[in-house]
């Protein structure tokens, strides 16, 4: 089984079906009381127990498909290249390498190449998002104190 699967852009027919399925599944998930509900495959009449977390993930995939947005599903324990990590964070690869050299993120060397755990990349990205919000809030308060902010 592949550990990484990228969903390509959906056709209009697939987008329509995904939207209908997403809406029905999202509504159904809200009504579920079990963390392991049984679903029935109508065509085969087979009942399958599916963890609620898997149904929620399916719901997210269907929502993305309905909008024509490609998505990747990657195990959190996987490692990524510096290029992929830079794309996830939204910076250049040289900038990311600088972060690694400063010890901002843990990594391992595989030959001459660096590998970073996806979970560490996502944690860094979240930390940066929180820091940005704090700085923006501080700037906004400073502007208000100096009466530079129009209401």
N, C-alpha and C. Protein backbone atom coordinates (compact mmCIF):
# COMPACT_ATOMS: atom_id res chain seq x y z
N UNK A 1 0.84 -1.19 0.00
CA UNK A 1 0.00 0.00 0.00
C UNK A 1 0.88 1.24 0.00
N UNK A 2 0.52 2.22 -0.79
CA UNK A 2 1.27 3.46 -0.85
C UNK A 2 1.11 4.23 0.46
N UNK A 3 2.20 4.89 0.90
CA UNK A 3 2.10 5.70 2.11
C UNK A 3 1.67 7.12 1.79
N UNK A 4 1.88 7.53 0.56
CA UNK A 4 1.48 8.88 0.15
C UNK A 4 0.61 8.75 -1.09
N UNK A 5 -0.52 9.40 -1.06
CA UNK A 5 -1.42 9.36 -2.22
C UNK A 5 -1.89 10.77 -2.50
N UNK A 6 -1.64 11.25 -3.69
CA UNK A 6 -2.11 12.58 -4.08
C UNK A 6 -3.34 12.42 -4.95
N UNK A 7 -4.38 13.15 -4.60
CA UNK A 7 -5.59 13.14 -5.40
C UNK A 7 -5.45 14.22 -6.46
N UNK A 8 -5.58 13.82 -7.71
CA UNK A 8 -5.49 14.79 -8.80
C UNK A 8 -6.77 15.60 -8.87
N UNK A 9 -6.72 16.68 -9.64
CA UNK A 9 -7.89 17.54 -9.80
C UNK A 9 -9.08 16.72 -10.29
N UNK A 10 -10.22 16.94 -9.68
CA UNK A 10 -11.43 16.18 -9.98
C UNK A 10 -12.12 16.70 -11.23
N UNK A 11 -12.81 15.79 -11.92
CA UNK A 11 -13.64 16.20 -13.04
C UNK A 11 -14.89 16.88 -12.48
N UNK A 12 -15.63 17.58 -13.32
CA UNK A 12 -16.86 18.25 -12.87
C UNK A 12 -17.85 17.22 -12.32
N UNK A 13 -17.94 16.07 -12.97
CA UNK A 13 -18.85 15.01 -12.51
C UNK A 13 -18.45 14.52 -11.11
N UNK A 14 -17.15 14.32 -10.92
CA UNK A 14 -16.65 13.89 -9.61
C UNK A 14 -16.87 14.98 -8.56
N UNK A 15 -16.67 16.24 -8.94
CA UNK A 15 -16.87 17.34 -8.00
C UNK A 15 -18.32 17.39 -7.52
N UNK A 16 -19.25 17.19 -8.44
CA UNK A 16 -20.67 17.22 -8.08
C UNK A 16 -21.00 16.07 -7.13
N UNK A 17 -20.52 14.87 -7.47
CA UNK A 17 -20.77 13.70 -6.61
C UNK A 17 -20.10 13.89 -5.25
N UNK A 18 -18.90 14.44 -5.25
CA UNK A 18 -18.18 14.68 -3.99
C UNK A 18 -18.92 15.67 -3.11
N UNK A 19 -19.48 16.72 -3.72
CA UNK A 19 -20.23 17.72 -2.95
C UNK A 19 -21.46 17.09 -2.30
N UNK A 20 -22.20 16.32 -3.06
CA UNK A 20 -23.39 15.66 -2.52
C UNK A 20 -23.01 14.69 -1.40
N UNK A 21 -21.94 13.92 -1.62
CA UNK A 21 -21.48 12.97 -0.61
C UNK A 21 -20.97 13.68 0.63
N UNK A 22 -20.21 14.77 0.42
CA UNK A 22 -19.69 15.54 1.55
C UNK A 22 -20.82 16.08 2.41
N UNK A 23 -21.82 16.69 1.78
CA UNK A 23 -22.94 17.26 2.53
C UNK A 23 -23.67 16.19 3.33
N UNK A 24 -23.92 15.04 2.71
CA UNK A 24 -24.62 13.95 3.40
C UNK A 24 -23.77 13.40 4.53
N UNK A 25 -22.48 13.20 4.28
CA UNK A 25 -21.60 12.63 5.31
C UNK A 25 -21.41 13.60 6.47
N UNK A 26 -21.21 14.88 6.18
CA UNK A 26 -21.03 15.87 7.25
C UNK A 26 -22.26 15.92 8.15
N UNK A 27 -23.44 15.87 7.55
CA UNK A 27 -24.69 15.88 8.31
C UNK A 27 -24.80 14.61 9.16
N UNK A 28 -24.45 13.48 8.58
CA UNK A 28 -24.53 12.20 9.28
C UNK A 28 -23.55 12.14 10.45
N UNK A 29 -22.33 12.63 10.24
CA UNK A 29 -21.31 12.60 11.29
C UNK A 29 -21.79 13.35 12.53
N UNK A 30 -22.48 14.48 12.33
CA UNK A 30 -22.99 15.26 13.46
C UNK A 30 -24.00 14.48 14.29
N UNK A 31 -24.69 13.54 13.66
CA UNK A 31 -25.74 12.79 14.34
C UNK A 31 -25.23 11.50 14.99
N UNK A 32 -23.99 11.12 14.72
CA UNK A 32 -23.46 9.86 15.24
C UNK A 32 -23.12 9.97 16.72
N UNK A 33 -23.40 8.89 17.44
CA UNK A 33 -23.05 8.85 18.86
C UNK A 33 -21.91 7.86 19.11
N UNK A 34 -21.67 6.96 18.19
CA UNK A 34 -20.62 5.95 18.33
C UNK A 34 -19.31 6.46 17.74
N UNK A 35 -18.20 6.03 18.34
CA UNK A 35 -16.90 6.39 17.77
C UNK A 35 -16.44 5.35 16.74
N UNK A 36 -17.28 4.31 16.53
CA UNK A 36 -16.98 3.27 15.57
C UNK A 36 -18.28 2.84 14.87
N UNK A 37 -18.91 3.77 14.12
CA UNK A 37 -20.19 3.44 13.50
C UNK A 37 -20.03 2.42 12.37
N UNK A 38 -21.11 1.71 12.09
CA UNK A 38 -21.14 0.77 10.97
C UNK A 38 -21.74 1.47 9.77
N UNK A 39 -21.09 1.31 8.64
CA UNK A 39 -21.67 1.84 7.40
C UNK A 39 -21.97 0.65 6.49
N UNK A 40 -22.96 0.83 5.64
CA UNK A 40 -23.34 -0.25 4.72
C UNK A 40 -22.99 0.16 3.30
N UNK A 41 -22.32 -0.76 2.61
CA UNK A 41 -22.06 -0.58 1.19
C UNK A 41 -23.29 -1.13 0.48
N UNK A 42 -24.08 -0.23 -0.06
CA UNK A 42 -25.37 -0.60 -0.64
C UNK A 42 -25.24 -1.67 -1.71
N UNK A 43 -24.25 -1.56 -2.56
CA UNK A 43 -24.07 -2.48 -3.68
C UNK A 43 -23.84 -3.92 -3.23
N UNK A 44 -23.11 -4.10 -2.12
CA UNK A 44 -22.78 -5.46 -1.65
C UNK A 44 -23.52 -5.84 -0.37
N UNK A 45 -24.23 -4.89 0.21
CA UNK A 45 -24.94 -5.09 1.47
C UNK A 45 -23.99 -5.40 2.63
N UNK A 46 -22.72 -5.09 2.46
CA UNK A 46 -21.73 -5.38 3.48
C UNK A 46 -21.70 -4.26 4.52
N UNK A 47 -21.67 -4.64 5.81
CA UNK A 47 -21.55 -3.68 6.91
C UNK A 47 -20.08 -3.60 7.31
N UNK A 48 -19.60 -2.37 7.45
CA UNK A 48 -18.20 -2.16 7.81
C UNK A 48 -18.13 -1.18 8.97
N UNK A 49 -17.37 -1.54 10.02
CA UNK A 49 -17.14 -0.61 11.13
C UNK A 49 -16.01 0.33 10.72
N UNK A 50 -16.28 1.62 10.84
CA UNK A 50 -15.29 2.63 10.44
C UNK A 50 -15.09 3.60 11.61
N UNK A 51 -13.85 3.81 12.03
CA UNK A 51 -13.60 4.79 13.09
C UNK A 51 -14.11 6.18 12.67
N UNK A 52 -14.68 6.90 13.61
CA UNK A 52 -15.22 8.23 13.32
C UNK A 52 -14.15 9.16 12.75
N UNK A 53 -12.90 9.00 13.22
CA UNK A 53 -11.80 9.83 12.70
C UNK A 53 -11.59 9.58 11.20
N UNK A 54 -11.76 8.33 10.77
CA UNK A 54 -11.62 8.02 9.34
C UNK A 54 -12.76 8.64 8.54
N UNK A 55 -13.96 8.64 9.11
CA UNK A 55 -15.10 9.26 8.43
C UNK A 55 -14.90 10.77 8.31
N UNK A 56 -14.34 11.38 9.36
CA UNK A 56 -14.07 12.82 9.30
C UNK A 56 -13.00 13.14 8.26
N UNK A 57 -11.99 12.28 8.16
CA UNK A 57 -10.97 12.46 7.14
C UNK A 57 -11.58 12.32 5.75
N UNK A 58 -12.43 11.32 5.57
CA UNK A 58 -13.13 11.14 4.29
C UNK A 58 -13.96 12.38 3.96
N UNK A 59 -14.59 12.94 4.96
CA UNK A 59 -15.39 14.15 4.77
C UNK A 59 -14.51 15.30 4.26
N UNK A 60 -13.33 15.46 4.84
CA UNK A 60 -12.40 16.50 4.39
C UNK A 60 -11.95 16.27 2.95
N UNK A 61 -11.68 15.01 2.61
CA UNK A 61 -11.27 14.67 1.25
C UNK A 61 -12.39 14.99 0.26
N UNK A 62 -13.62 14.61 0.62
CA UNK A 62 -14.77 14.89 -0.25
C UNK A 62 -14.98 16.39 -0.44
N UNK A 63 -14.82 17.15 0.65
CA UNK A 63 -14.97 18.60 0.55
C UNK A 63 -13.94 19.19 -0.41
N UNK A 64 -12.68 18.74 -0.28
CA UNK A 64 -11.63 19.23 -1.17
C UNK A 64 -11.92 18.84 -2.62
N UNK A 65 -12.35 17.60 -2.83
CA UNK A 65 -12.69 17.14 -4.19
C UNK A 65 -13.82 17.97 -4.78
N UNK A 66 -14.81 18.31 -3.95
CA UNK A 66 -15.96 19.06 -4.45
C UNK A 66 -15.55 20.45 -4.94
N UNK A 67 -14.43 20.95 -4.42
CA UNK A 67 -13.92 22.27 -4.82
C UNK A 67 -12.84 22.16 -5.89
N UNK A 68 -12.56 20.93 -6.31
CA UNK A 68 -11.53 20.73 -7.32
C UNK A 68 -10.12 20.92 -6.80
N UNK A 69 -9.95 20.82 -5.48
CA UNK A 69 -8.63 21.02 -4.87
C UNK A 69 -7.93 19.68 -4.69
N UNK A 70 -6.74 19.50 -5.28
CA UNK A 70 -6.01 18.26 -5.05
C UNK A 70 -5.53 18.19 -3.60
N UNK A 71 -5.44 17.01 -3.04
CA UNK A 71 -5.02 16.82 -1.66
C UNK A 71 -4.04 15.66 -1.58
N UNK A 72 -3.18 15.69 -0.57
CA UNK A 72 -2.28 14.57 -0.29
C UNK A 72 -2.57 14.04 1.09
N UNK A 73 -2.49 12.74 1.22
CA UNK A 73 -2.64 12.10 2.52
C UNK A 73 -1.29 11.46 2.82
N UNK A 74 -0.66 11.92 3.90
CA UNK A 74 0.69 11.49 4.24
C UNK A 74 0.73 11.08 5.70
N UNK A 75 1.34 9.94 6.03
CA UNK A 75 1.47 9.57 7.44
C UNK A 75 2.31 10.60 8.20
N UNK A 76 1.89 10.95 9.41
CA UNK A 76 2.59 11.97 10.19
C UNK A 76 4.02 11.55 10.53
N UNK A 77 4.30 10.25 10.59
CA UNK A 77 5.63 9.79 10.96
C UNK A 77 6.62 9.88 9.80
N UNK A 78 6.16 10.23 8.62
CA UNK A 78 7.04 10.25 7.46
C UNK A 78 8.01 11.43 7.52
N UNK A 79 9.08 11.28 6.77
CA UNK A 79 10.08 12.34 6.67
C UNK A 79 9.96 13.00 5.31
N UNK A 80 10.28 14.28 5.25
CA UNK A 80 10.20 15.03 3.99
C UNK A 80 11.56 15.63 3.67
N UNK A 81 11.74 15.95 2.41
CA UNK A 81 12.97 16.61 1.96
C UNK A 81 12.93 18.08 2.37
N UNK A 82 14.07 18.74 2.26
CA UNK A 82 14.11 20.17 2.57
C UNK A 82 13.23 20.95 1.61
N UNK A 83 13.17 20.53 0.35
CA UNK A 83 12.33 21.23 -0.63
C UNK A 83 10.86 21.12 -0.25
N UNK A 84 10.42 19.90 0.11
CA UNK A 84 9.02 19.70 0.48
C UNK A 84 8.70 20.46 1.77
N UNK A 85 9.61 20.43 2.74
CA UNK A 85 9.40 21.16 4.00
C UNK A 85 9.28 22.66 3.73
N UNK A 86 10.11 23.18 2.84
CA UNK A 86 10.06 24.60 2.49
C UNK A 86 8.72 24.95 1.85
N UNK A 87 8.22 24.06 0.98
CA UNK A 87 6.91 24.29 0.35
C UNK A 87 5.80 24.31 1.38
N UNK A 88 5.86 23.40 2.35
CA UNK A 88 4.83 23.32 3.39
C UNK A 88 4.84 24.59 4.24
N UNK A 89 6.02 25.04 4.62
CA UNK A 89 6.15 26.22 5.47
C UNK A 89 5.88 27.51 4.69
N UNK A 90 6.24 27.49 3.41
CA UNK A 90 6.05 28.68 2.58
C UNK A 90 7.28 29.56 2.56
N UNK A 91 8.43 28.93 2.46
CA UNK A 91 9.68 29.68 2.39
C UNK A 91 10.57 29.04 1.33
N UNK A 92 11.73 29.63 1.10
CA UNK A 92 12.68 29.05 0.14
C UNK A 92 13.44 27.91 0.80
N UNK A 93 13.98 27.02 -0.03
CA UNK A 93 14.77 25.92 0.50
C UNK A 93 16.02 26.43 1.22
N UNK A 94 16.75 27.41 0.66
CA UNK A 94 17.93 27.93 1.38
C UNK A 94 17.57 28.52 2.75
N UNK A 95 16.43 29.21 2.84
CA UNK A 95 16.00 29.75 4.14
C UNK A 95 15.75 28.61 5.12
N UNK A 96 15.10 27.54 4.64
CA UNK A 96 14.81 26.39 5.50
C UNK A 96 16.11 25.74 5.97
N UNK A 97 17.06 25.58 5.07
CA UNK A 97 18.35 24.99 5.45
C UNK A 97 19.00 25.84 6.55
N UNK A 98 18.88 27.16 6.44
CA UNK A 98 19.38 28.05 7.48
C UNK A 98 18.71 27.79 8.82
N UNK A 99 17.40 27.56 8.80
CA UNK A 99 16.67 27.23 10.03
C UNK A 99 17.20 25.94 10.65
N UNK A 100 17.46 24.96 9.79
CA UNK A 100 17.99 23.68 10.29
C UNK A 100 19.36 23.87 10.91
N UNK A 101 20.20 24.64 10.24
CA UNK A 101 21.56 24.89 10.75
C UNK A 101 21.55 25.65 12.06
N UNK A 102 20.54 26.50 12.28
CA UNK A 102 20.40 27.24 13.54
C UNK A 102 19.77 26.39 14.63
N UNK A 103 19.31 25.19 14.30
CA UNK A 103 18.69 24.31 15.29
C UNK A 103 17.22 24.61 15.53
N UNK A 104 16.57 25.31 14.61
CA UNK A 104 15.15 25.65 14.77
C UNK A 104 14.24 24.43 14.63
N UNK A 105 14.73 23.42 13.91
CA UNK A 105 13.96 22.20 13.68
C UNK A 105 14.91 21.01 13.69
N UNK A 106 14.49 19.90 14.31
CA UNK A 106 15.35 18.71 14.27
C UNK A 106 15.33 18.08 12.87
N UNK A 107 16.43 17.45 12.50
CA UNK A 107 16.50 16.78 11.20
C UNK A 107 17.55 15.67 11.28
N UNK A 108 17.55 14.81 10.28
CA UNK A 108 18.58 13.77 10.18
C UNK A 108 19.24 13.89 8.81
N UNK A 109 20.49 13.50 8.76
CA UNK A 109 21.23 13.49 7.50
C UNK A 109 21.15 12.08 6.92
N UNK A 110 20.80 12.01 5.64
CA UNK A 110 20.81 10.75 4.90
C UNK A 110 21.78 10.97 3.74
N UNK A 111 23.01 10.51 3.93
CA UNK A 111 24.05 10.84 2.96
C UNK A 111 24.33 12.33 3.04
N UNK A 112 24.19 13.02 1.92
CA UNK A 112 24.39 14.47 1.90
C UNK A 112 23.09 15.24 2.06
N UNK A 113 21.99 14.53 2.19
CA UNK A 113 20.67 15.17 2.21
C UNK A 113 20.07 15.20 3.61
N UNK A 114 19.31 16.24 3.87
CA UNK A 114 18.61 16.39 5.15
C UNK A 114 17.19 15.87 5.01
N UNK A 115 16.70 15.21 6.03
CA UNK A 115 15.31 14.76 6.09
C UNK A 115 14.72 15.29 7.40
N UNK A 116 13.48 15.76 7.30
CA UNK A 116 12.80 16.35 8.45
C UNK A 116 11.49 15.62 8.65
N UNK A 117 11.17 15.31 9.90
CA UNK A 117 9.89 14.65 10.18
C UNK A 117 8.76 15.63 9.87
N UNK A 118 7.74 15.12 9.19
CA UNK A 118 6.60 15.96 8.82
C UNK A 118 5.98 16.60 10.06
N UNK A 119 5.89 15.85 11.14
CA UNK A 119 5.28 16.38 12.36
C UNK A 119 6.07 17.59 12.87
N UNK A 120 7.40 17.58 12.71
CA UNK A 120 8.22 18.72 13.14
C UNK A 120 8.01 19.93 12.22
N UNK A 121 7.85 19.68 10.92
CA UNK A 121 7.59 20.76 9.97
C UNK A 121 6.26 21.43 10.30
N UNK A 122 5.24 20.61 10.54
CA UNK A 122 3.91 21.15 10.85
C UNK A 122 3.90 21.88 12.18
N UNK A 123 4.66 21.38 13.16
CA UNK A 123 4.75 22.06 14.47
C UNK A 123 5.43 23.42 14.31
N UNK A 124 6.49 23.48 13.50
CA UNK A 124 7.17 24.76 13.26
C UNK A 124 6.23 25.74 12.57
N UNK A 125 5.49 25.26 11.58
CA UNK A 125 4.56 26.12 10.85
C UNK A 125 3.50 26.68 11.80
N UNK A 126 2.98 25.85 12.69
CA UNK A 126 1.96 26.29 13.65
C UNK A 126 2.55 27.30 14.62
N UNK A 127 3.77 27.04 15.08
CA UNK A 127 4.46 27.98 15.99
C UNK A 127 4.63 29.34 15.32
N UNK A 128 5.00 29.34 14.05
CA UNK A 128 5.17 30.58 13.30
C UNK A 128 3.85 31.32 13.15
N UNK A 129 2.78 30.58 12.93
CA UNK A 129 1.45 31.19 12.79
C UNK A 129 1.05 31.89 14.08
N UNK A 130 1.31 31.25 15.21
CA UNK A 130 0.99 31.84 16.52
C UNK A 130 1.83 33.09 16.75
N UNK A 131 3.12 33.02 16.43
CA UNK A 131 4.01 34.18 16.58
C UNK A 131 3.54 35.34 15.70
N UNK A 132 3.15 35.05 14.46
CA UNK A 132 2.65 36.09 13.56
C UNK A 132 1.41 36.77 14.13
N UNK A 133 0.49 35.98 14.67
CA UNK A 133 -0.74 36.55 15.26
C UNK A 133 -0.40 37.47 16.42
N UNK A 134 0.54 37.05 17.27
CA UNK A 134 0.94 37.88 18.41
C UNK A 134 1.52 39.22 17.93
N UNK A 135 2.39 39.15 16.92
CA UNK A 135 3.00 40.38 16.39
C UNK A 135 1.97 41.29 15.74
N UNK A 136 1.04 40.71 14.99
CA UNK A 136 -0.01 41.52 14.36
C UNK A 136 -0.90 42.18 15.40
N UNK A 137 -1.24 41.44 16.45
CA UNK A 137 -2.05 42.00 17.53
C UNK A 137 -1.31 43.14 18.21
N UNK A 138 -0.02 42.94 18.47
CA UNK A 138 0.80 43.98 19.10
C UNK A 138 0.86 45.23 18.21
N UNK A 139 1.05 45.03 16.91
CA UNK A 139 1.09 46.17 15.97
C UNK A 139 -0.24 46.91 15.97
N UNK A 140 -1.33 46.16 16.00
CA UNK A 140 -2.65 46.78 15.99
C UNK A 140 -2.86 47.61 17.26
N UNK A 141 -2.45 47.07 18.41
CA UNK A 141 -2.59 47.82 19.66
C UNK A 141 -1.72 49.07 19.65
N UNK A 142 -0.52 48.96 19.11
CA UNK A 142 0.37 50.13 19.00
C UNK A 142 -0.26 51.20 18.12
N UNK A 143 -0.84 50.78 17.00
CA UNK A 143 -1.52 51.73 16.10
C UNK A 143 -2.69 52.42 16.80
N UNK A 144 -3.44 51.65 17.60
CA UNK A 144 -4.57 52.23 18.33
C UNK A 144 -4.10 53.24 19.36
N UNK A 145 -3.02 52.91 20.08
CA UNK A 145 -2.48 53.82 21.09
C UNK A 145 -1.99 55.12 20.46
N UNK A 146 -1.43 55.02 19.28
CA UNK A 146 -0.94 56.21 18.57
C UNK A 146 -2.03 56.86 17.72
N UNK A 147 -3.23 56.34 17.85
CA UNK A 147 -4.40 56.82 17.11
C UNK A 147 -4.17 56.82 15.60
N UNK A 148 -3.48 55.78 15.13
CA UNK A 148 -3.25 55.61 13.70
C UNK A 148 -4.29 54.69 13.08
N UNK A 149 -5.07 54.07 13.93
CA UNK A 149 -6.06 53.08 13.49
C UNK A 149 -7.41 53.75 13.32
N UNK A 150 -7.96 53.73 12.11
CA UNK A 150 -9.29 54.29 11.86
C UNK A 150 -10.34 53.24 12.18
N UNK A 151 -11.38 53.67 12.91
CA UNK A 151 -12.44 52.72 13.21
C UNK A 151 -13.66 52.99 12.38
